[in-house]
């Protein structure tokens, strides 16, 4: 069984509808949904702002690679074309962290596979991931660069302008627990 943290974002087309499509596709597997945030683009490619959110989902039948495949299918259904790294996109679904359930609790899945590196190797540098994730799981920790830290600690290490650029909106993804 795996529980995942998914970061979703869109800055082309009907951005909110693209994000909602992920929540709808996951259905009862969704455990938590953050608010929707407006965020500046990350990575240096000029483009319009994104709408971003974080979901926590769980499915006893899915492995981390299944979550990646599902995310890519949803991106494809939204018309995503991969042309420019960190470029504009209709939908981006990233598997940020995965946990497997064991008798003694949940264990974070680690993978160095270049197709699916876990935990996500850039998550600790991205306020647009950390801020909404912190909202849905205030006690979450993330391992990166050989260090295990709380999301608050990772956020405090970021440039304050980047963190303040992540602005909560009044938009919702239509999910209720």
Protein backbone atom coordinates (compact mmCIF):
# COMPACT_ATOMS: atom_id res chain seq x y z
CA UNK A 1 0.00 0.00 0.00
CA UNK A 2 1.25 3.46 -0.73
CA UNK A 3 0.32 6.89 0.46
CA UNK A 4 1.60 9.72 -1.70
CA UNK A 5 2.01 13.45 -1.63
CA UNK A 6 1.25 14.84 -5.08
CA UNK A 7 2.04 18.37 -6.17
CA UNK A 8 -0.22 19.58 -8.97
CA UNK A 9 0.06 22.73 -11.03
CA UNK A 10 -1.25 24.42 -14.15
CA UNK A 11 -0.62 27.67 -15.98
CA UNK A 12 -2.23 27.07 -19.39
CA UNK A 13 -5.87 26.83 -20.38
CA UNK A 14 -8.52 26.42 -17.70
CA UNK A 15 -6.02 26.07 -14.88
CA UNK A 16 -8.56 25.37 -12.16
CA UNK A 17 -10.35 22.73 -14.25
CA UNK A 18 -7.04 20.97 -14.88
CA UNK A 19 -6.35 20.80 -11.14
CA UNK A 20 -9.88 19.65 -10.39
CA UNK A 21 -9.49 16.86 -12.94
CA UNK A 22 -6.83 15.28 -10.74
CA UNK A 23 -9.03 15.34 -7.65
CA UNK A 24 -11.93 13.87 -9.65
CA UNK A 25 -9.74 11.12 -11.16
CA UNK A 26 -8.40 10.07 -7.76
CA UNK A 27 -11.85 10.05 -6.20
CA UNK A 28 -12.02 8.21 -2.87
CA UNK A 29 -8.24 7.71 -2.80
CA UNK A 30 -7.85 11.38 -1.84
CA UNK A 31 -7.22 11.89 1.88
CA UNK A 32 -6.43 15.63 1.91
CA UNK A 33 -6.42 18.58 -0.47
CA UNK A 34 -4.70 21.90 0.13
CA UNK A 35 -6.03 25.28 -0.80
CA UNK A 36 -5.25 26.52 -4.29
CA UNK A 37 -2.26 28.84 -4.46
CA UNK A 38 -1.17 31.30 -7.11
CA UNK A 39 2.57 31.06 -7.61
CA UNK A 40 5.18 32.59 -9.89
CA UNK A 41 6.83 30.25 -12.38
CA UNK A 42 9.88 28.35 -11.15
CA UNK A 43 12.95 27.58 -13.23
CA UNK A 44 13.63 30.79 -15.14
CA UNK A 45 11.36 30.31 -18.18
CA UNK A 46 9.16 33.42 -18.74
CA UNK A 47 5.47 32.44 -18.45
CA UNK A 48 2.29 33.29 -16.57
CA UNK A 49 1.70 32.37 -12.94
CA UNK A 50 0.62 28.90 -11.91
CA UNK A 51 -2.18 27.58 -9.81
CA UNK A 52 -0.75 24.95 -7.45
CA UNK A 53 -2.06 22.59 -4.80
CA UNK A 54 -0.97 19.48 -2.92
CA UNK A 55 -2.98 16.29 -2.50
CA UNK A 56 -2.42 13.38 -0.17
CA UNK A 57 -3.80 10.12 -1.54
CA UNK A 58 -3.67 6.45 -0.63
CA UNK A 59 -4.43 3.21 -2.43
CA UNK A 60 -3.59 -0.30 -1.21
CA UNK A 61 -3.16 -1.54 -4.77
CA UNK A 62 -0.79 1.16 -6.03
CA UNK A 63 2.99 1.36 -5.96
CA UNK A 64 4.88 4.63 -6.47
CA UNK A 65 5.42 3.82 -10.16
CA UNK A 66 1.63 3.42 -10.53
CA UNK A 67 1.10 6.90 -9.11
CA UNK A 68 3.65 8.29 -11.58
CA UNK A 69 1.94 6.53 -14.49
CA UNK A 70 -1.48 7.81 -13.37
CA UNK A 71 -0.11 11.35 -13.08
CA UNK A 72 1.32 11.16 -16.59
CA UNK A 73 -2.00 9.84 -17.94
CA UNK A 74 -3.80 12.79 -16.35
CA UNK A 75 -1.24 15.20 -17.82
CA UNK A 76 -1.75 13.64 -21.25
CA UNK A 77 -5.54 13.87 -20.91
CA UNK A 78 -5.12 17.59 -20.13
CA UNK A 79 -3.13 18.06 -23.34
CA UNK A 80 0.29 18.47 -21.79
CA UNK A 81 3.16 18.58 -24.25
CA UNK A 82 6.70 18.33 -22.91
CA UNK A 83 8.71 20.80 -24.97
CA UNK A 84 10.60 23.09 -22.60
CA UNK A 85 12.00 22.04 -19.24
CA UNK A 86 10.18 24.04 -16.55
CA UNK A 87 8.05 25.57 -19.30
CA UNK A 88 4.35 26.36 -19.32
CA UNK A 89 1.99 23.41 -18.99
CA UNK A 90 -1.66 22.56 -18.88
CA UNK A 91 -1.07 20.15 -16.01
CA UNK A 92 1.88 18.97 -13.99
CA UNK A 93 1.51 16.10 -11.51
CA UNK A 94 4.60 15.34 -9.44
CA UNK A 95 4.99 12.50 -6.96
CA UNK A 96 6.75 14.35 -4.13
CA UNK A 97 6.91 11.63 -1.51
CA UNK A 98 5.58 8.10 -1.12
CA UNK A 99 5.15 6.01 2.00
CA UNK A 100 4.46 2.31 2.26
CA UNK A 101 2.49 0.94 5.16
CA UNK A 102 4.08 -1.71 7.29
CA UNK A 103 3.08 -3.36 10.53
CA UNK A 104 5.28 -0.96 12.47
CA UNK A 105 3.90 2.15 10.73
CA UNK A 106 4.57 4.02 7.50
CA UNK A 107 8.01 4.08 5.90
CA UNK A 108 9.14 6.67 3.37
CA UNK A 109 9.95 5.11 0.00
CA UNK A 110 13.38 6.00 -1.33
CA UNK A 111 14.28 5.61 -4.99
CA UNK A 112 17.24 6.77 -7.05
CA UNK A 113 15.60 5.67 -10.29
CA UNK A 114 15.98 8.57 -12.76
CA UNK A 115 12.38 8.02 -13.92
CA UNK A 116 11.00 8.39 -10.38
CA UNK A 117 13.41 9.71 -7.77
CA UNK A 118 11.88 9.72 -4.30
CA UNK A 119 11.57 11.81 -2.30
CA UNK A 120 11.38 14.37 -5.12
CA UNK A 121 14.91 15.80 -5.39
CA UNK A 122 13.79 19.44 -5.75
CA UNK A 123 10.81 19.55 -3.37
CA UNK A 124 12.81 21.09 -0.53
CA UNK A 125 13.69 24.05 -2.79
CA UNK A 126 10.15 24.77 -3.97
CA UNK A 127 7.91 26.95 -1.85
CA UNK A 128 5.00 26.15 -4.18
CA UNK A 129 5.26 22.54 -2.95
CA UNK A 130 6.16 23.13 0.70
CA UNK A 131 3.54 25.77 1.55
CA UNK A 132 0.47 23.78 0.43
CA UNK A 133 1.94 20.53 1.78
CA UNK A 134 2.46 22.17 5.18
CA UNK A 135 -1.20 23.20 5.11
CA UNK A 136 -2.44 19.61 4.77
CA UNK A 137 0.23 17.97 6.95
CA UNK A 138 1.78 20.40 9.46
CA UNK A 139 3.93 17.63 11.00
CA UNK A 140 5.39 16.38 7.71
CA UNK A 141 9.09 15.85 7.27
CA UNK A 142 11.10 15.66 4.07
CA UNK A 143 14.50 14.14 3.50
CA UNK A 144 16.76 15.93 1.03
CA UNK A 145 20.48 16.46 0.61
CA UNK A 146 21.09 13.88 3.33
CA UNK A 147 19.05 15.77 5.93
CA UNK A 148 15.64 15.05 7.42
CA UNK A 149 13.82 18.28 8.30
CA UNK A 150 10.30 19.49 8.90
CA UNK A 151 8.61 21.39 6.11
CA UNK A 152 8.82 24.53 8.26
CA UNK A 153 12.60 24.12 8.50
CA UNK A 154 12.93 23.69 4.72
CA UNK A 155 10.74 26.76 4.18
CA UNK A 156 12.81 28.87 6.57
CA UNK A 157 15.89 28.09 4.46
CA UNK A 158 14.29 29.51 1.31
CA UNK A 159 14.45 33.10 0.11
CA UNK A 160 11.61 34.99 1.81
CA UNK A 161 10.52 36.51 -1.52
CA UNK A 162 9.97 33.03 -2.94
CA UNK A 163 7.90 31.98 0.06
CA UNK A 164 5.81 35.18 0.04
CA UNK A 165 5.19 34.67 -3.70
CA UNK A 166 3.06 31.63 -2.87
CA UNK A 167 -0.33 33.28 -2.41
CA UNK A 168 -3.42 31.45 -1.19
CA UNK A 169 -6.46 32.04 -3.40
CA UNK A 170 -10.20 31.77 -2.75
CA UNK A 171 -10.42 29.00 -5.41
CA UNK A 172 -11.22 25.46 -4.34
CA UNK A 173 -10.79 22.06 -5.90
CA UNK A 174 -14.26 20.92 -4.88
CA UNK A 175 -13.13 18.21 -2.46
CA UNK A 176 -14.67 17.56 0.92
CA UNK A 177 -13.49 14.95 3.41
